[in-house]
Amino acid sequence: MADIDCDVAVIGAGNAALCAALAARESGASVVVFERAPEAEMGGNTRFTAGAIRCVYDGLDDLRAYMPDLSEEEIAISDFGTYTAEQYFDDMFRVTQYRCDADLVEVMVRQSRETMLWMRDQGVRFVPIYGRQAYKIDGRFTFYGGLTVESAGGGPGLIEALMGAVERAGIEVVYGAAVKSLVYDDVNVVGVNVKQGASMRRVNAKSVILACGGFEANPEWRTRYLGPGWEIAKVRGTRFNTGDGIRMALDIGAAPYGNWSGCHAVGWDRNAPEFGDLAVGDGFQKHSYTLGILVNADGKRFVDEGADFRNYTYAKYGSVILAQPAQFAWQVFDSKVIPLLRDEYRIREVTKVQADTIEGLAGKMEGVDAEAFLATVAEYNATVLTDVPFNPNIKDGRGTPGLAIPKTNWANTIDEAPFEASGVTCGITFTFGGLRVNADAQVLDTDLEPIPGLYAAGELVGGLFYFNYPGGSGLMSGSVFGRIAGRSSAAA
């Protein structure tokens, strides 16, 4: 097959990659996007997300700028609060135990506002996250956890909007194109070698942007870097994120960076398929655990379900579930909170049992020690601070003092029929270890010098997340560093 010549070759076709392609084209470069997946499965992990994006907003004026079709009625029934740069910094440092790269975080947070406006101008529509980040109390929604905005249509809607912009910009996208290696002359990256079907072709490019995900879909690498047992985890997203971009950069001397033994992993339906299902999307997630209790095969609680708002704990609790006997747990609720459960609990493809008595529920929870479970529920019920008002929009302090593993907030007795339980296991979203980049998204070598012609954005950038993750910051990171990578590569 004939060679391809372009100014910028973008590897991947998720949020970070498409932002990079658009920014490079906007800067005057000729751009070609190479996507390993067939067109029907394009979009990387972005297509499997709910589309939440964590961004700075100092008040309603900023939100109006992001969401120009925000209605007066929505404004009247909503308390959006603020999410300042200082709050964003605090969250990033707190949840990563102060390990995150301060320089990269500075770039992501400071450029989040302008990147949101730029994405809006590309045709991305943003809307408030009603139903997932706000409960309606006394006729009014109060948003919590600093997460207020999502792309309309979720992750699929975001990809559709960005692909529309790519098409309008005249950017070519090549599908079924597996990039196997970088073309490197020992000084500069000058292209990539691409396999399409049974044929190889060379792409000659002045710059290459790697935006093709982490290694979450590679069970051998998961076991090597995350540890024993991780080969068993379900993959929430695409089957094509196997670490190829990271590998080919390391092969030419790029610096590995970040939390290589850490990842974003959540409670995921116990019977979900091996990889993400585009028809179900993010529906296999089960994120209302803050309203109930989690028990393992021994019938015992093993985590503080109310330690913090969902979007500050969900990304680390998947690994906790994976560490339980037989790698599963059940989330248990009663009728007081069942109406508050997120929509994903009502999809057809759900592992769920129901009963009119707690004893009946215990008998239906496959793999659980029923007698121990009933004792756990009785002990839990006896310690709930029922005199403290329940309010899911704030850290209400309605806890369970005296338990070996307390529930700090949102504790309710489990004693009103009907009862419901959902079976979950670990679903890995993306890995935290990756390549080291600077503020211009240039990939650095092991001497911490930029590798000319090589840029990176998205999941394969290391150093941002350690141990945990504030919800919505992954899409923000991909958008910010994708845009920077596109502009930097075109300028070079």
Protein backbone atom coordinates (compact mmCIF):
# COMPACT_ATOMS: atom_id res chain seq x y z
CA MET A 1 0.00 0.00 0.00
CA ALA A 2 1.15 3.53 -0.70
CA ASP A 3 2.62 5.70 1.98
CA ILE A 4 0.60 8.52 3.54
CA ASP A 5 2.05 11.99 4.04
CA CYS A 6 0.67 14.52 6.52
CA ASP A 7 1.81 17.16 8.96
CA VAL A 8 0.25 15.51 12.03
CA ALA A 9 -0.71 11.87 12.55
CA VAL A 10 -3.15 11.34 15.43
CA ILE A 11 -3.31 7.83 16.89
CA GLY A 12 -6.73 7.03 18.36
CA ALA A 13 -10.24 8.40 17.89
CA GLY A 14 -11.60 9.10 21.37
CA ASN A 15 -12.16 12.47 23.02
CA ALA A 16 -8.46 13.35 23.46
CA ALA A 17 -7.53 12.25 19.94
CA LEU A 18 -10.35 14.13 18.23
CA CYS A 19 -9.66 17.29 20.25
CA ALA A 20 -6.02 16.99 19.19
CA ALA A 21 -6.95 16.53 15.53
CA LEU A 22 -9.30 19.51 15.54
CA ALA A 23 -6.78 21.78 17.27
CA ALA A 24 -4.00 20.79 14.86
CA ARG A 25 -6.22 21.38 11.84
CA GLU A 26 -7.41 24.68 13.28
CA SER A 27 -3.74 25.69 13.50
CA GLY A 28 -3.24 25.03 9.80
CA ALA A 29 -1.77 21.51 9.78
CA SER A 30 -2.84 18.67 7.52
CA VAL A 31 -4.10 15.89 9.83
CA VAL A 32 -4.90 12.20 9.49
CA VAL A 33 -6.47 10.17 12.33
CA PHE A 34 -5.64 6.47 12.62
CA GLU A 35 -8.14 4.36 14.57
CA ARG A 36 -7.40 0.72 15.35
CA ALA A 37 -11.08 -0.15 15.77
CA PRO A 38 -13.47 -0.63 12.87
CA GLU A 39 -15.79 2.31 12.30
CA ALA A 40 -18.66 0.62 14.17
CA GLU A 41 -16.54 0.48 17.34
CA MET A 42 -14.66 3.76 17.02
CA GLY A 43 -14.52 6.35 19.78
CA GLY A 44 -12.28 4.66 22.34
CA ASN A 45 -13.39 4.62 25.96
CA THR A 46 -15.21 7.93 25.48
CA ARG A 47 -18.19 6.20 23.86
CA PHE A 48 -18.65 4.11 27.00
CA THR A 49 -18.68 7.03 29.45
CA ALA A 50 -21.66 8.94 30.78
CA GLY A 51 -20.02 12.14 29.51
CA ALA A 52 -19.49 13.94 32.85
CA ILE A 53 -16.75 16.56 32.61
CA ARG A 54 -15.26 18.33 35.64
CA CYS A 55 -14.64 21.99 34.89
CA VAL A 56 -14.10 25.26 36.69
CA TYR A 57 -17.10 27.55 37.03
CA ASP A 58 -17.22 30.56 39.31
CA GLY A 59 -20.99 30.87 39.11
CA LEU A 60 -24.02 30.93 36.86
CA ASP A 61 -22.41 33.15 34.20
CA ASP A 62 -19.77 30.53 33.48
CA LEU A 63 -22.42 27.80 33.26
CA ARG A 64 -24.50 29.92 30.89
CA ALA A 65 -21.42 30.27 28.68
CA TYR A 66 -20.90 26.49 28.63
CA MET A 67 -24.62 25.78 28.27
CA PRO A 68 -26.17 28.68 26.31
CA ASP A 69 -29.50 26.88 26.06
CA LEU A 70 -29.80 26.54 29.85
CA SER A 71 -33.41 27.53 30.47
CA GLU A 72 -34.76 29.96 33.03
CA GLU A 73 -36.85 27.14 34.47
CA GLU A 74 -33.74 24.99 35.00
CA ILE A 75 -31.99 27.90 36.67
CA ALA A 76 -34.96 28.54 38.94
CA ILE A 77 -35.08 24.97 40.30
CA SER A 78 -31.31 24.43 40.61
CA ASP A 79 -28.62 25.31 43.09
CA PHE A 80 -25.49 24.92 40.96
CA GLY A 81 -23.13 26.45 43.52
CA THR A 82 -19.58 27.11 42.31
CA TYR A 83 -16.54 25.03 41.49
CA THR A 84 -13.54 27.31 41.59
CA ALA A 85 -10.00 26.56 40.47
CA GLU A 86 -9.02 26.36 44.13
CA GLN A 87 -11.68 23.71 44.78
CA TYR A 88 -10.50 21.75 41.74
CA PHE A 89 -6.90 21.86 42.99
CA ASP A 90 -7.99 20.77 46.46
CA ASP A 91 -9.90 17.80 45.07
CA MET A 92 -7.08 16.67 42.79
CA PHE A 93 -4.50 16.79 45.54
CA ARG A 94 -6.75 15.31 48.23
CA VAL A 95 -7.97 12.27 46.31
CA THR A 96 -4.50 11.45 44.91
CA GLN A 97 -2.93 11.76 48.37
CA TYR A 98 -0.89 14.74 47.12
CA ARG A 99 0.96 12.60 44.58
CA CYS A 100 -0.36 14.17 41.38
CA ASP A 101 2.00 16.19 39.19
CA ALA A 102 1.36 19.80 40.24
CA ASP A 103 2.47 21.22 36.88
CA LEU A 104 0.11 19.01 34.88
CA VAL A 105 -2.76 19.67 37.28
CA GLU A 106 -2.11 23.41 36.96
CA VAL A 107 -2.46 23.15 33.18
CA MET A 108 -5.60 21.05 33.33
CA VAL A 109 -7.40 23.23 35.87
CA ARG A 110 -6.34 26.63 34.53
CA GLN A 111 -7.26 25.71 30.96
CA SER A 112 -10.50 23.92 31.74
CA ARG A 113 -12.69 26.99 31.22
CA GLU A 114 -11.25 28.00 27.84
CA THR A 115 -11.26 24.37 26.70
CA MET A 116 -14.96 24.03 27.53
CA LEU A 117 -15.72 27.15 25.49
CA TRP A 118 -13.58 25.86 22.62
CA MET A 119 -15.41 22.51 22.66
CA ARG A 120 -18.74 24.34 22.65
CA ASP A 121 -17.55 26.20 19.56
CA GLN A 122 -16.69 22.86 17.93
CA GLY A 123 -20.34 21.87 18.28
CA VAL A 124 -20.30 19.98 21.60
CA ARG A 125 -23.46 20.65 23.60
CA PHE A 126 -23.28 20.55 27.39
CA VAL A 127 -26.16 20.07 29.85
CA PRO A 128 -26.56 19.85 33.65
CA ILE A 129 -26.17 16.36 35.19
CA TYR A 130 -29.67 16.07 36.59
CA GLY A 131 -30.43 12.68 38.12
CA ARG A 132 -26.81 11.65 38.62
CA GLN A 133 -25.23 14.57 40.51
CA ALA A 134 -28.25 16.17 42.19
CA TYR A 135 -31.25 14.95 44.15
CA LYS A 136 -34.50 16.89 44.06
CA ILE A 137 -35.30 17.95 47.61
CA ASP A 138 -38.36 20.16 48.26
CA GLY A 139 -38.68 20.91 44.55
CA ARG A 140 -35.07 22.01 44.08
CA PHE A 141 -31.96 20.30 42.73
CA THR A 142 -28.70 20.80 44.62
CA PHE A 143 -25.54 19.71 42.79
CA TYR A 144 -22.80 18.12 44.86
CA GLY A 145 -19.21 16.99 44.52
CA GLY A 146 -18.12 19.70 42.08
CA LEU A 147 -19.52 17.80 39.11
CA THR A 148 -22.31 19.66 37.32
CA VAL A 149 -21.84 19.42 33.54
CA GLU A 150 -22.02 16.57 31.04
CA SER A 151 -21.99 16.32 27.28
CA ALA A 152 -25.47 15.96 25.79
CA GLY A 153 -26.02 12.34 24.86
CA GLY A 154 -23.27 11.19 27.22
CA GLY A 155 -20.06 9.76 25.79
CA PRO A 156 -21.69 8.70 22.50
CA GLY A 157 -23.07 12.22 22.12
CA LEU A 158 -19.64 13.71 22.73
CA ILE A 159 -18.03 11.49 20.08
CA GLU A 160 -20.84 12.26 17.63
CA ALA A 161 -20.34 16.00 18.11
CA LEU A 162 -16.55 15.85 17.79
CA MET A 163 -16.75 13.59 14.73
CA GLY A 164 -19.11 16.07 13.14
CA ALA A 165 -16.50 18.78 13.67
CA VAL A 166 -13.79 16.48 12.28
CA GLU A 167 -15.82 15.89 9.13
CA ARG A 168 -16.53 19.61 8.68
CA ALA A 169 -12.81 20.30 9.05
CA GLY A 170 -11.99 17.82 6.27
CA ILE A 171 -9.85 15.60 8.51
CA GLU A 172 -9.39 12.07 7.19
CA VAL A 173 -10.06 9.19 9.61
CA VAL A 174 -8.61 5.78 8.72
CA TYR A 175 -10.35 2.86 10.46
CA GLY A 176 -8.98 -0.61 11.13
CA ALA A 177 -5.53 0.97 11.24
CA ALA A 178 -3.38 -0.60 13.97
CA VAL A 179 -0.25 1.49 14.53
CA LYS A 180 2.58 -0.93 15.27
CA SER A 181 5.58 1.32 15.78
CA LEU A 182 6.92 4.83 15.61
CA VAL A 183 9.29 5.82 12.82
CA TYR A 184 12.25 7.27 14.70
CA ASP A 185 15.57 8.43 13.27
CA ASP A 186 17.27 8.44 16.71
CA VAL A 187 16.51 12.15 17.06
CA ASN A 188 13.02 12.84 15.73
CA VAL A 189 9.77 10.94 15.38
CA VAL A 190 8.96 11.23 11.68
CA GLY A 191 5.97 8.94 11.29
CA VAL A 192 4.38 5.62 12.18
CA ASN A 193 4.05 2.15 10.69
CA VAL A 194 0.42 1.10 10.32
CA LYS A 195 -1.11 -2.32 9.69
CA GLN A 196 -4.40 -2.49 7.80
CA GLY A 197 -5.65 -6.01 7.27
CA ALA A 198 -2.70 -8.00 5.95
CA SER A 199 -0.81 -4.96 4.68
CA MET A 200 1.66 -2.56 6.25
CA ARG A 201 2.08 1.04 5.23
CA ARG A 202 4.24 3.88 6.39
CA VAL A 203 2.84 7.23 7.43
CA ASN A 204 5.28 10.12 7.02
CA ALA A 205 4.41 12.87 9.49
CA LYS A 206 6.16 15.89 10.94
CA SER A 207 4.52 15.16 14.31
CA VAL A 208 2.75 12.20 15.92
CA ILE A 209 0.16 12.49 18.70
CA LEU A 210 -0.45 9.35 20.76
CA ALA A 211 -4.00 9.38 22.17
CA CYS A 212 -4.90 5.69 22.04
CA GLY A 213 -5.64 4.89 25.68
CA GLY A 214 -4.05 3.00 28.52
CA PHE A 215 -3.50 -0.76 28.91
CA GLU A 216 -6.77 -1.63 30.66
CA ALA A 217 -7.84 -4.09 27.93
CA ASN A 218 -4.55 -6.03 28.14
CA PRO A 219 -4.92 -8.75 30.83
CA GLU A 220 -1.20 -9.62 30.74
CA TRP A 221 -0.15 -6.02 31.38
CA ARG A 222 -2.88 -5.61 34.03
CA THR A 223 -1.50 -8.60 35.91
CA ARG A 224 2.08 -7.45 35.40
CA TYR A 225 1.57 -3.91 36.66
CA LEU A 226 -1.63 -3.85 38.74
CA GLY A 227 -1.01 -7.21 40.38
CA PRO A 228 -2.34 -10.77 40.64
CA GLY A 229 -6.07 -11.10 40.10
CA TRP A 230 -6.44 -8.15 37.78
CA GLU A 231 -6.71 -10.44 34.76
CA ILE A 232 -10.17 -11.31 36.16
CA ALA A 233 -11.51 -7.74 36.09
CA LYS A 234 -14.16 -6.79 33.56
CA VAL A 235 -13.24 -4.06 31.07
CA ARG A 236 -15.77 -1.21 31.10
CA GLY A 237 -14.83 0.16 27.70
CA THR A 238 -13.20 -0.65 24.40
CA ARG A 239 -11.31 -3.88 23.74
CA PHE A 240 -8.70 -1.98 21.74
CA ASN A 241 -6.92 -0.12 24.58
CA THR A 242 -4.07 -2.58 25.06
CA GLY A 243 -1.19 -0.18 25.73
CA ASP A 244 0.19 -0.04 22.20
CA GLY A 245 0.85 3.70 22.30
CA ILE A 246 2.70 3.42 25.59
CA ARG A 247 4.75 0.45 24.37
CA MET A 248 5.90 2.05 21.13
CA ALA A 249 6.94 5.24 22.95
CA LEU A 250 8.86 3.28 25.61
CA ASP A 251 10.58 1.40 22.78
CA ILE A 252 12.28 4.63 21.64
CA GLY A 253 13.24 5.79 25.12
CA ALA A 254 10.18 7.64 26.44
CA ALA A 255 9.95 8.04 30.20
CA PRO A 256 7.33 5.96 32.02
CA TYR A 257 5.48 8.01 34.61
CA GLY A 258 2.70 7.91 37.13
CA ASN A 259 0.88 5.30 39.18
CA TRP A 260 1.60 2.16 37.14
CA SER A 261 0.07 -0.07 39.82
CA GLY A 262 -3.10 2.04 39.99
CA CYS A 263 -6.23 2.41 37.92
CA HIS A 264 -9.78 3.74 37.75
CA ALA A 265 -12.03 0.79 38.62
CA VAL A 266 -15.67 0.77 39.70
CA GLY A 267 -18.49 -1.46 40.85
CA TRP A 268 -19.71 -3.09 37.62
CA ASP A 269 -22.50 -5.58 36.99
CA ARG A 270 -21.40 -9.04 38.06
CA ASN A 271 -22.55 -10.64 34.80
CA ALA A 272 -21.46 -7.92 32.39
CA PRO A 273 -19.49 -9.12 29.33
CA GLU A 274 -15.68 -9.19 29.18
CA PHE A 275 -15.54 -5.82 27.41
CA GLY A 276 -17.90 -2.89 27.16
CA ASP A 277 -21.14 -3.24 25.20
CA LEU A 278 -21.97 -0.17 23.12
CA ALA A 279 -25.67 -1.01 23.25
CA VAL A 280 -25.62 -0.77 27.06
CA GLY A 281 -22.84 1.81 27.37
CA ASP A 282 -22.29 2.91 30.95
CA GLY A 283 -25.41 1.11 32.18
CA PHE A 284 -23.48 -1.74 33.79
CA GLN A 285 -22.11 0.66 36.42
CA LYS A 286 -23.83 0.60 39.81
CA HIS A 287 -23.11 3.87 41.59
CA SER A 288 -25.91 4.30 44.16
CA TYR A 289 -24.01 2.30 46.78
CA THR A 290 -23.88 5.42 48.98
CA LEU A 291 -27.60 4.88 49.68
CA GLY A 292 -27.29 1.27 50.90
CA ILE A 293 -24.71 -1.22 52.10
CA LEU A 294 -22.17 -3.46 50.33
CA VAL A 295 -21.65 -7.03 51.53
CA ASN A 296 -19.25 -9.72 50.33
CA ALA A 297 -19.54 -13.52 50.05
CA ASP A 298 -19.01 -13.80 53.82
CA GLY A 299 -22.10 -11.66 54.33
CA LYS A 300 -20.07 -8.83 55.81
CA ARG A 301 -19.64 -5.15 55.01
CA PHE A 302 -16.10 -4.26 53.93
CA VAL A 303 -16.08 -0.56 53.03
CA ASP A 304 -17.54 2.77 54.21
CA GLU A 305 -20.23 3.31 51.60
CA GLY A 306 -20.78 6.89 52.82
CA ALA A 307 -17.17 8.03 53.18
CA ASP A 308 -17.62 10.78 50.59
CA PHE A 309 -19.76 11.75 47.62
CA ARG A 310 -19.97 9.04 44.98
CA ASN A 311 -17.74 10.85 42.50
CA TYR A 312 -14.82 10.85 44.98
CA THR A 313 -14.96 7.14 45.88
CA TYR A 314 -16.41 5.16 42.97
CA ALA A 315 -13.14 4.99 41.01
CA LYS A 316 -11.31 3.23 43.86
CA TYR A 317 -14.04 0.92 45.15
CA GLY A 318 -13.83 -1.40 42.14
CA SER A 319 -10.40 -2.57 43.28
CA VAL A 320 -11.76 -3.10 46.80
CA ILE A 321 -14.51 -5.34 45.38
CA LEU A 322 -11.93 -7.27 43.35
CA ALA A 323 -10.07 -8.04 46.61
CA GLN A 324 -13.15 -9.69 48.18
CA PRO A 325 -13.72 -13.47 48.27
CA ALA A 326 -14.68 -14.62 44.75
CA GLN A 327 -14.31 -11.02 43.50
CA PHE A 328 -17.94 -9.94 43.95
CA ALA A 329 -20.30 -8.06 46.27
CA TRP A 330 -23.98 -7.25 46.61
CA GLN A 331 -25.39 -3.75 47.04
CA VAL A 332 -28.43 -3.88 49.33
CA PHE A 333 -31.30 -1.35 49.54
CA ASP A 334 -34.79 -1.12 50.99
CA SER A 335 -37.90 0.70 49.84
CA LYS A 336 -36.92 3.99 51.51
CA VAL A 337 -34.12 4.57 48.99
CA ILE A 338 -35.04 2.42 45.98
CA PRO A 339 -36.81 5.40 44.29
CA LEU A 340 -33.54 7.37 44.56
CA LEU A 341 -31.42 4.77 42.72
CA ARG A 342 -29.81 5.87 39.47
CA ASP A 343 -31.30 4.78 36.15
CA GLU A 344 -28.69 2.06 35.63
CA TYR A 345 -30.49 -0.07 38.27
CA ARG A 346 -33.54 -0.27 36.02
CA ILE A 347 -32.00 -1.50 32.77
CA ARG A 348 -32.90 -4.93 31.41
CA GLU A 349 -29.31 -6.23 31.61
CA VAL A 350 -28.94 -6.13 35.39
CA THR A 351 -28.02 -8.71 38.03
CA LYS A 352 -30.70 -7.97 40.62
CA VAL A 353 -32.80 -9.84 43.18
CA GLN A 354 -35.86 -8.65 45.09
CA ALA A 355 -37.87 -9.92 48.04
CA ASP A 356 -40.59 -8.88 50.45
CA THR A 357 -38.53 -9.91 53.49
CA ILE A 358 -34.86 -9.46 54.33
CA GLU A 359 -34.66 -13.23 54.96
CA GLY A 360 -36.05 -13.85 51.50
CA LEU A 361 -33.50 -11.49 49.99
CA ALA A 362 -30.68 -13.29 51.82
CA GLY A 363 -31.73 -16.55 50.20
CA LYS A 364 -31.60 -15.03 46.73
CA MET A 365 -28.17 -13.35 46.96
CA GLU A 366 -26.09 -15.97 45.16
CA GLY A 367 -22.83 -16.89 46.86
CA VAL A 368 -23.50 -15.05 50.14
CA ASP A 369 -23.49 -16.55 53.65
CA ALA A 370 -27.15 -15.80 54.43
CA GLU A 371 -26.91 -16.20 58.21
CA ALA A 372 -23.90 -13.87 58.44
CA PHE A 373 -25.62 -11.36 56.16
CA LEU A 374 -28.71 -11.21 58.39
CA ALA A 375 -26.48 -10.65 61.42
CA THR A 376 -24.68 -7.85 59.56
CA VAL A 377 -27.96 -6.12 58.72
CA ALA A 378 -29.21 -6.42 62.32
CA GLU A 379 -26.00 -4.96 63.72
CA TYR A 380 -26.01 -2.19 61.14
CA ASN A 381 -29.65 -1.26 61.75
CA ALA A 382 -29.06 -1.00 65.49
CA THR A 383 -26.39 1.70 65.09
CA VAL A 384 -27.97 4.05 62.50
CA LEU A 385 -28.34 7.60 63.83
CA THR A 386 -32.02 7.85 62.93
CA ASP A 387 -32.37 11.17 64.76
CA VAL A 388 -30.05 12.83 62.21
CA PRO A 389 -31.97 14.01 59.10
CA PHE A 390 -31.18 12.13 55.89
CA ASN A 391 -30.08 14.40 53.02
CA PRO A 392 -28.28 12.83 50.03
CA ASN A 393 -27.25 16.25 48.64
CA ILE A 394 -24.88 16.98 51.53
CA LYS A 395 -22.59 15.03 53.83
CA ASP A 396 -25.38 14.65 56.37
CA GLY A 397 -23.44 12.91 59.16
CA ARG A 398 -26.15 10.27 59.46
CA GLY A 399 -23.79 7.46 60.33
CA THR A 400 -23.34 4.23 62.27
CA PRO A 401 -21.05 4.92 65.25
CA GLY A 402 -19.55 1.92 66.94
CA LEU A 403 -19.28 -0.38 63.93
CA ALA A 404 -15.84 -1.74 63.07
CA ILE A 405 -16.42 -0.40 59.55
CA PRO A 406 -18.64 2.65 59.95
CA LYS A 407 -20.90 4.22 57.40
CA THR A 408 -20.15 7.94 57.76
CA ASN A 409 -23.05 9.51 55.85
CA TRP A 410 -26.46 8.63 54.36
CA ALA A 411 -27.10 5.63 56.62
CA ASN A 412 -30.67 4.31 56.64
CA THR A 413 -31.98 1.25 58.41
CA ILE A 414 -32.69 -1.63 56.03
CA ASP A 415 -36.07 -2.68 57.34
CA GLU A 416 -38.86 -1.61 54.99
CA ALA A 417 -40.09 -3.94 52.24
CA PRO A 418 -39.59 -4.48 49.41
CA PHE A 419 -35.86 -5.17 49.50
CA GLU A 420 -33.48 -5.19 46.56
CA ALA A 421 -29.87 -6.23 45.93
CA SER A 422 -27.61 -5.80 42.88
CA GLY A 423 -24.62 -8.05 42.22
CA VAL A 424 -21.38 -6.29 41.28
CA THR A 425 -17.79 -7.08 40.50
CA CYS A 426 -14.81 -4.94 39.41
CA GLY A 427 -14.94 -3.01 36.14
CA ILE A 428 -11.69 -1.34 35.09
CA THR A 429 -12.02 1.97 33.27
CA PHE A 430 -8.45 3.06 32.58
CA THR A 431 -4.94 2.67 33.96
CA PHE A 432 -3.10 5.53 35.68
CA GLY A 433 0.47 4.76 34.57
CA GLY A 434 1.70 6.05 31.25
CA LEU A 435 4.06 8.46 29.52
CA ARG A 436 5.65 11.59 30.92
CA VAL A 437 4.72 14.82 29.15
CA ASN A 438 5.41 18.50 29.74
CA ALA A 439 2.98 21.43 29.70
CA ASP A 440 3.10 21.46 25.87
CA ALA A 441 2.06 17.77 25.76
CA GLN A 442 5.49 16.79 24.41
CA VAL A 443 6.55 13.27 25.39
CA LEU A 444 9.74 13.32 27.46
CA ASP A 445 12.56 10.80 27.28
CA THR A 446 14.25 9.16 30.28
CA ASP A 447 16.57 12.18 30.53
CA LEU A 448 13.39 14.30 30.81
CA GLU A 449 14.06 15.98 27.49
CA PRO A 450 11.32 16.31 24.84
CA ILE A 451 11.36 13.74 22.06
CA PRO A 452 11.01 15.93 18.92
CA GLY A 453 7.87 15.18 16.98
CA LEU A 454 6.11 13.12 19.68
CA TYR A 455 3.10 14.27 21.73
CA ALA A 456 0.55 12.52 23.95
CA ALA A 457 -2.88 13.13 25.46
CA GLY A 458 -5.62 11.23 27.24
CA GLU A 459 -5.40 8.07 29.31
CA LEU A 460 -1.79 7.30 28.41
CA VAL A 461 -0.51 10.49 30.09
CA GLY A 462 0.90 9.49 33.46
CA GLY A 463 1.22 11.59 36.59
CA LEU A 464 -2.27 13.05 36.96
CA PHE A 465 -4.04 10.34 38.96
CA TYR A 466 -2.78 8.23 41.85
CA PHE A 467 -4.85 5.73 43.89
CA ASN A 468 -8.11 7.52 43.09
CA TYR A 469 -9.76 10.00 40.77
CA PRO A 470 -12.28 12.87 40.96
CA GLY A 471 -15.20 12.00 38.68
CA GLY A 472 -15.21 13.79 35.33
CA SER A 473 -11.54 14.77 35.38
CA GLY A 474 -10.57 12.15 32.78
CA LEU A 475 -12.56 13.76 29.98
CA MET A 476 -11.29 17.18 31.09
CA SER A 477 -7.69 15.99 30.99
CA GLY A 478 -8.18 14.45 27.54
CA SER A 479 -9.79 17.61 26.17
CA VAL A 480 -7.21 20.00 27.63
CA PHE A 481 -4.10 18.03 26.71
CA GLY A 482 -5.58 16.93 23.39
CA ARG A 483 -6.09 20.55 22.41
CA ILE A 484 -2.59 21.45 23.61
CA ALA A 485 -1.04 18.50 21.75
CA GLY A 486 -2.80 19.53 18.55
CA ARG A 487 -1.65 23.12 18.75
CA SER A 488 1.90 22.22 19.82
CA SER A 489 2.34 19.61 17.08
CA ALA A 490 1.07 21.98 14.40
CA ALA A 491 3.38 24.78 15.60
CA ALA A 492 6.34 22.42 15.51
